[in-house]
Amino acid sequence: MKTKTSMAIIMASSMMLALMGCGEAASENSPATSEISFEEVAPGNPTDTADTSDDADTSTDADTASSVSSEDSSASDDASIEVNGKKVSILDDYQAAVDALGPADGDPSSDASHAIFYSFASGAIEYTTVKLDGEELPITLDIKKGDIKTSKDIGIGSTEDEVVAAYGEPTDVDNGEGVVNTKGEPLKLHVTTYDLDGYSINFKYDDDKKVEKYWFNNTANNARYNNQ
């Protein structure tokens, strides 16, 4: 801030000189008054420059966490179906998924591979798990019938063109080359696979190229299961 101090100095313009009774008038050229102006500049307070690096780092961390959280949520949603108003994802914890699927059709079954099969909604949904290192892990979530849709509105009866429009070109196509049925006859098969973030979706088509069934695979758990 600047402060301006004005100092008026008034100087006497006439002096009486008395020398033995003699007086002399002051010079007419001498100013009666003289004003001298001083301008003082007060040292201003330095502008506060608070260190915002911590705030910036905190904001960046929060944005990153929010982004990761958003991405995880999106992946879980896309890997899910809706049953009785609840979302069930192949990426969910086993117990959370089983609880959301509702009452099972009966006791789970197993086979020589030690996989555990749960059936729901009168066989419309099959949920498969496997026990590894004392933990039960989800492997596949199959939709065999009914009006259960994916997050992209694909379900039983959707055409292959509709699937491609929703998911793009598949990662893999299996037309059953070399696969035979129990009678040794070539097995008609047309399955498309979409490898996505942490999971895959497979669509099996009938002769009219309509979805006959579809299922989700938990990529990480399947890899652990196959490599045990």
Protein backbone atom coordinates (compact mmCIF):
# COMPACT_ATOMS: atom_id res chain seq x y z
CA MET A 1 0.00 0.00 0.00
CA LYS A 2 1.10 3.51 -0.64
CA THR A 3 0.72 6.25 1.91
CA LYS A 4 1.19 9.80 0.93
CA THR A 5 2.37 12.21 3.51
CA SER A 6 2.20 15.88 2.70
CA MET A 7 4.22 18.14 4.79
CA ALA A 8 3.67 21.82 4.54
CA ILE A 9 6.53 23.76 5.73
CA ILE A 10 5.72 27.37 6.25
CA MET A 11 8.73 29.48 6.41
CA ALA A 12 8.73 32.96 7.68
CA SER A 13 9.20 35.33 4.77
CA SER A 14 10.18 38.39 6.62
CA MET A 15 12.79 38.88 9.19
CA MET A 16 13.32 41.83 11.26
CA LEU A 17 16.86 42.82 11.36
CA ALA A 18 17.63 45.27 13.96
CA LEU A 19 21.02 46.69 13.88
CA MET A 20 21.22 49.58 16.09
CA GLY A 21 17.68 50.68 15.34
CA CYS A 22 17.89 49.97 11.51
CA GLY A 23 15.38 47.56 9.82
CA GLU A 24 15.53 45.85 6.43
CA ALA A 25 12.50 44.48 4.60
CA ALA A 26 12.57 40.91 3.38
CA SER A 27 13.17 40.26 -0.31
CA GLU A 28 10.00 40.21 -2.44
CA ASN A 29 11.31 37.18 -4.43
CA SER A 30 11.28 34.94 -1.38
CA PRO A 31 8.10 32.79 -1.38
CA ALA A 32 5.78 33.33 1.48
CA THR A 33 5.19 29.61 1.72
CA SER A 34 6.87 26.50 0.35
CA GLU A 35 5.12 23.06 0.17
CA ILE A 36 7.24 19.95 -0.04
CA SER A 37 5.49 16.66 -0.79
CA PHE A 38 6.88 13.30 0.30
CA GLU A 39 5.54 10.01 -0.97
CA GLU A 40 6.22 7.03 1.17
CA VAL A 41 5.75 3.52 -0.04
CA ALA A 42 4.94 1.23 2.82
CA PRO A 43 6.33 -2.25 2.33
CA GLY A 44 3.35 -4.34 1.33
CA ASN A 45 2.66 -7.75 2.74
CA PRO A 46 3.89 -10.41 0.30
CA THR A 47 1.06 -12.20 -1.46
CA ASP A 48 0.26 -15.37 0.36
CA THR A 49 1.04 -18.36 -1.83
CA ALA A 50 -0.28 -21.32 0.07
CA ASP A 51 1.20 -24.63 -0.92
CA THR A 52 -1.64 -26.40 -2.74
CA SER A 53 0.41 -29.39 -3.78
CA ASP A 54 -1.13 -31.56 -1.05
CA ASP A 55 -4.63 -30.47 -2.06
CA ALA A 56 -3.80 -31.16 -5.71
CA ASP A 57 -2.45 -34.60 -4.87
CA THR A 58 -5.52 -35.35 -2.76
CA SER A 59 -7.81 -34.20 -5.57
CA THR A 60 -5.91 -36.32 -8.09
CA ASP A 61 -6.05 -39.36 -5.83
CA ALA A 62 -9.78 -38.86 -5.29
CA ASP A 63 -10.40 -38.50 -9.02
CA THR A 64 -8.36 -41.63 -9.73
CA ALA A 65 -10.19 -43.62 -7.04
CA SER A 66 -13.51 -42.39 -8.39
CA SER A 67 -12.51 -43.41 -11.92
CA VAL A 68 -11.38 -46.86 -10.81
CA SER A 69 -14.49 -47.30 -8.74
CA SER A 70 -16.62 -46.24 -11.68
CA GLU A 71 -14.83 -48.64 -14.02
CA ASP A 72 -15.22 -51.55 -11.57
CA SER A 73 -18.92 -50.81 -11.14
CA SER A 74 -19.44 -50.64 -14.89
CA ALA A 75 -17.67 -53.96 -15.47
CA SER A 76 -19.74 -55.64 -12.76
CA ASP A 77 -22.96 -54.26 -14.25
CA ASP A 78 -22.07 -55.50 -17.75
CA ALA A 79 -21.21 -58.93 -16.37
CA SER A 80 -24.59 -59.27 -14.68
CA ILE A 81 -28.19 -60.26 -15.13
CA GLU A 82 -31.20 -59.09 -13.16
CA VAL A 83 -33.18 -61.63 -11.19
CA ASN A 84 -36.12 -60.70 -8.96
CA GLY A 85 -35.07 -57.05 -9.10
CA LYS A 86 -31.48 -57.83 -8.04
CA LYS A 87 -28.32 -57.74 -10.11
CA VAL A 88 -26.23 -60.89 -10.11
CA SER A 89 -22.73 -60.71 -11.59
CA ILE A 90 -20.24 -63.45 -12.38
CA LEU A 91 -17.71 -61.09 -10.74
CA ASP A 92 -19.62 -61.09 -7.45
CA ASP A 93 -18.64 -63.05 -4.39
CA TYR A 94 -20.12 -66.56 -4.48
CA GLN A 95 -22.31 -66.13 -1.42
CA ALA A 96 -23.64 -62.74 -2.55
CA ALA A 97 -24.61 -64.20 -5.92
CA VAL A 98 -26.31 -67.28 -4.46
CA ASP A 99 -28.28 -65.13 -2.02
CA ALA A 100 -29.40 -62.79 -4.81
CA LEU A 101 -30.45 -65.66 -7.09
CA GLY A 102 -33.02 -66.75 -4.54
CA PRO A 103 -34.08 -70.25 -3.46
CA ALA A 104 -32.24 -73.00 -5.32
CA ASP A 105 -34.17 -75.72 -7.13
CA GLY A 106 -32.57 -78.27 -4.83
CA ASP A 107 -29.24 -79.31 -3.43
CA PRO A 108 -26.25 -78.52 -5.65
CA SER A 109 -24.73 -81.34 -7.65
CA SER A 110 -21.15 -82.12 -8.58
CA ASP A 111 -19.22 -84.18 -11.11
CA ALA A 112 -15.80 -85.72 -11.61
CA SER A 113 -14.29 -82.28 -12.24
CA HIS A 114 -15.33 -81.28 -8.69
CA ALA A 115 -17.30 -78.34 -10.00
CA ILE A 116 -20.46 -77.52 -8.03
CA PHE A 117 -23.69 -76.85 -9.95
CA TYR A 118 -26.55 -74.77 -8.53
CA SER A 119 -29.89 -74.55 -10.33
CA PHE A 120 -32.37 -71.67 -9.96
CA ALA A 121 -35.72 -70.60 -11.40
CA SER A 122 -36.74 -74.13 -12.41
CA GLY A 123 -33.61 -74.70 -14.42
CA ALA A 124 -33.54 -71.34 -16.17
CA ILE A 125 -30.28 -70.40 -14.44
CA GLU A 126 -27.29 -72.54 -13.60
CA TYR A 127 -24.53 -71.19 -11.39
CA THR A 128 -21.27 -73.12 -11.27
CA THR A 129 -18.55 -72.82 -8.64
CA VAL A 130 -15.40 -74.67 -7.66
CA LYS A 131 -13.55 -74.95 -4.36
CA LEU A 132 -9.92 -73.87 -4.45
CA ASP A 133 -7.72 -73.52 -1.38
CA GLY A 134 -10.76 -73.77 0.87
CA GLU A 135 -12.62 -70.99 -0.98
CA GLU A 136 -15.69 -71.43 -3.18
CA LEU A 137 -15.27 -69.40 -6.35
CA PRO A 138 -17.76 -68.61 -9.16
CA ILE A 139 -16.86 -70.09 -12.54
CA THR A 140 -19.87 -69.68 -14.84
CA LEU A 141 -23.36 -68.21 -14.83
CA ASP A 142 -25.60 -69.85 -17.47
CA ILE A 143 -28.95 -68.58 -18.71
CA LYS A 144 -30.79 -71.43 -20.41
CA LYS A 145 -34.33 -70.13 -20.81
CA GLY A 146 -36.72 -67.39 -19.84
CA ASP A 147 -36.73 -63.65 -20.40
CA ILE A 148 -33.50 -62.84 -18.59
CA LYS A 149 -31.46 -60.19 -20.44
CA THR A 150 -27.88 -58.95 -20.34
CA SER A 151 -27.15 -55.30 -19.55
CA LYS A 152 -27.24 -54.68 -23.31
CA ASP A 153 -30.75 -56.14 -23.61
CA ILE A 154 -29.69 -59.43 -25.22
CA GLY A 155 -31.43 -62.64 -24.21
CA ILE A 156 -32.82 -65.96 -25.37
CA GLY A 157 -34.23 -65.49 -28.87
CA SER A 158 -32.09 -62.48 -29.78
CA THR A 159 -30.62 -62.76 -33.28
CA GLU A 160 -26.93 -62.94 -34.00
CA ASP A 161 -27.18 -59.58 -35.77
CA GLU A 162 -28.62 -58.05 -32.59
CA VAL A 163 -25.77 -59.52 -30.55
CA VAL A 164 -23.19 -58.06 -32.94
CA ALA A 165 -24.96 -54.69 -32.88
CA ALA A 166 -24.77 -54.71 -29.06
CA TYR A 167 -21.29 -56.17 -28.52
CA GLY A 168 -19.46 -55.78 -31.82
CA GLU A 169 -17.56 -58.51 -33.59
CA PRO A 170 -16.85 -61.51 -31.35
CA THR A 171 -13.41 -62.39 -30.04
CA ASP A 172 -13.85 -65.99 -31.13
CA VAL A 173 -16.30 -68.11 -33.13
CA ASP A 174 -16.69 -71.85 -32.56
CA ASN A 175 -18.52 -73.73 -35.29
CA GLY A 176 -17.87 -77.13 -33.74
CA GLU A 177 -15.26 -78.36 -36.18
CA GLY A 178 -14.26 -81.85 -35.13
CA VAL A 179 -16.94 -82.10 -32.43
CA VAL A 180 -19.25 -85.13 -32.57
CA ASN A 181 -22.21 -86.29 -30.54
CA THR A 182 -22.49 -89.58 -28.66
CA LYS A 183 -23.34 -91.33 -31.91
CA GLY A 184 -20.21 -90.09 -33.59
CA GLU A 185 -22.14 -87.67 -35.77
CA PRO A 186 -20.88 -84.11 -36.42
CA LEU A 187 -22.35 -81.82 -33.83
CA LYS A 188 -24.02 -78.69 -35.11
CA LEU A 189 -22.61 -75.86 -33.08
CA HIS A 190 -22.32 -72.13 -33.40
CA VAL A 191 -20.95 -70.24 -30.39
CA THR A 192 -19.52 -66.73 -30.29
CA THR A 193 -17.32 -65.49 -27.46
CA TYR A 194 -16.67 -61.95 -26.26
CA ASP A 195 -13.62 -61.50 -24.01
CA LEU A 196 -14.24 -58.50 -21.81
CA ASP A 197 -12.78 -56.96 -18.64
CA GLY A 198 -12.33 -59.84 -16.20
CA TYR A 199 -15.03 -61.98 -17.77
CA SER A 200 -16.37 -63.29 -21.06
CA ILE A 201 -19.84 -63.80 -22.51
CA ASN A 202 -20.65 -66.75 -24.77
CA PHE A 203 -23.72 -66.98 -26.99
CA LYS A 204 -24.87 -70.32 -28.41
CA TYR A 205 -27.17 -70.08 -31.45
CA ASP A 206 -29.77 -72.40 -32.90
CA ASP A 207 -30.18 -73.21 -36.59
CA ASP A 208 -31.99 -69.91 -37.14
CA LYS A 209 -29.03 -67.99 -35.66
CA LYS A 210 -31.00 -66.99 -32.59
CA VAL A 211 -29.57 -67.17 -29.09
CA GLU A 212 -30.39 -70.58 -27.63
CA LYS A 213 -28.49 -70.01 -24.39
CA TYR A 214 -25.72 -67.76 -23.11
CA TRP A 215 -23.32 -67.76 -20.21
CA PHE A 216 -20.73 -65.67 -18.39
CA ASN A 217 -17.25 -66.92 -17.45
CA ASN A 218 -15.14 -65.49 -14.61
CA THR A 219 -11.79 -65.28 -16.40
CA ALA A 220 -9.47 -65.25 -13.38
CA ASN A 221 -11.25 -68.05 -11.52
CA ASN A 222 -11.38 -70.24 -14.62
CA ALA A 223 -7.64 -69.74 -15.11
CA ARG A 224 -6.95 -70.77 -11.49
CA TYR A 225 -9.24 -73.76 -11.86
CA ASN A 226 -7.65 -74.94 -15.10
CA ASN A 227 -4.12 -74.50 -13.79
CA GLN A 228 -4.53 -76.26 -10.45
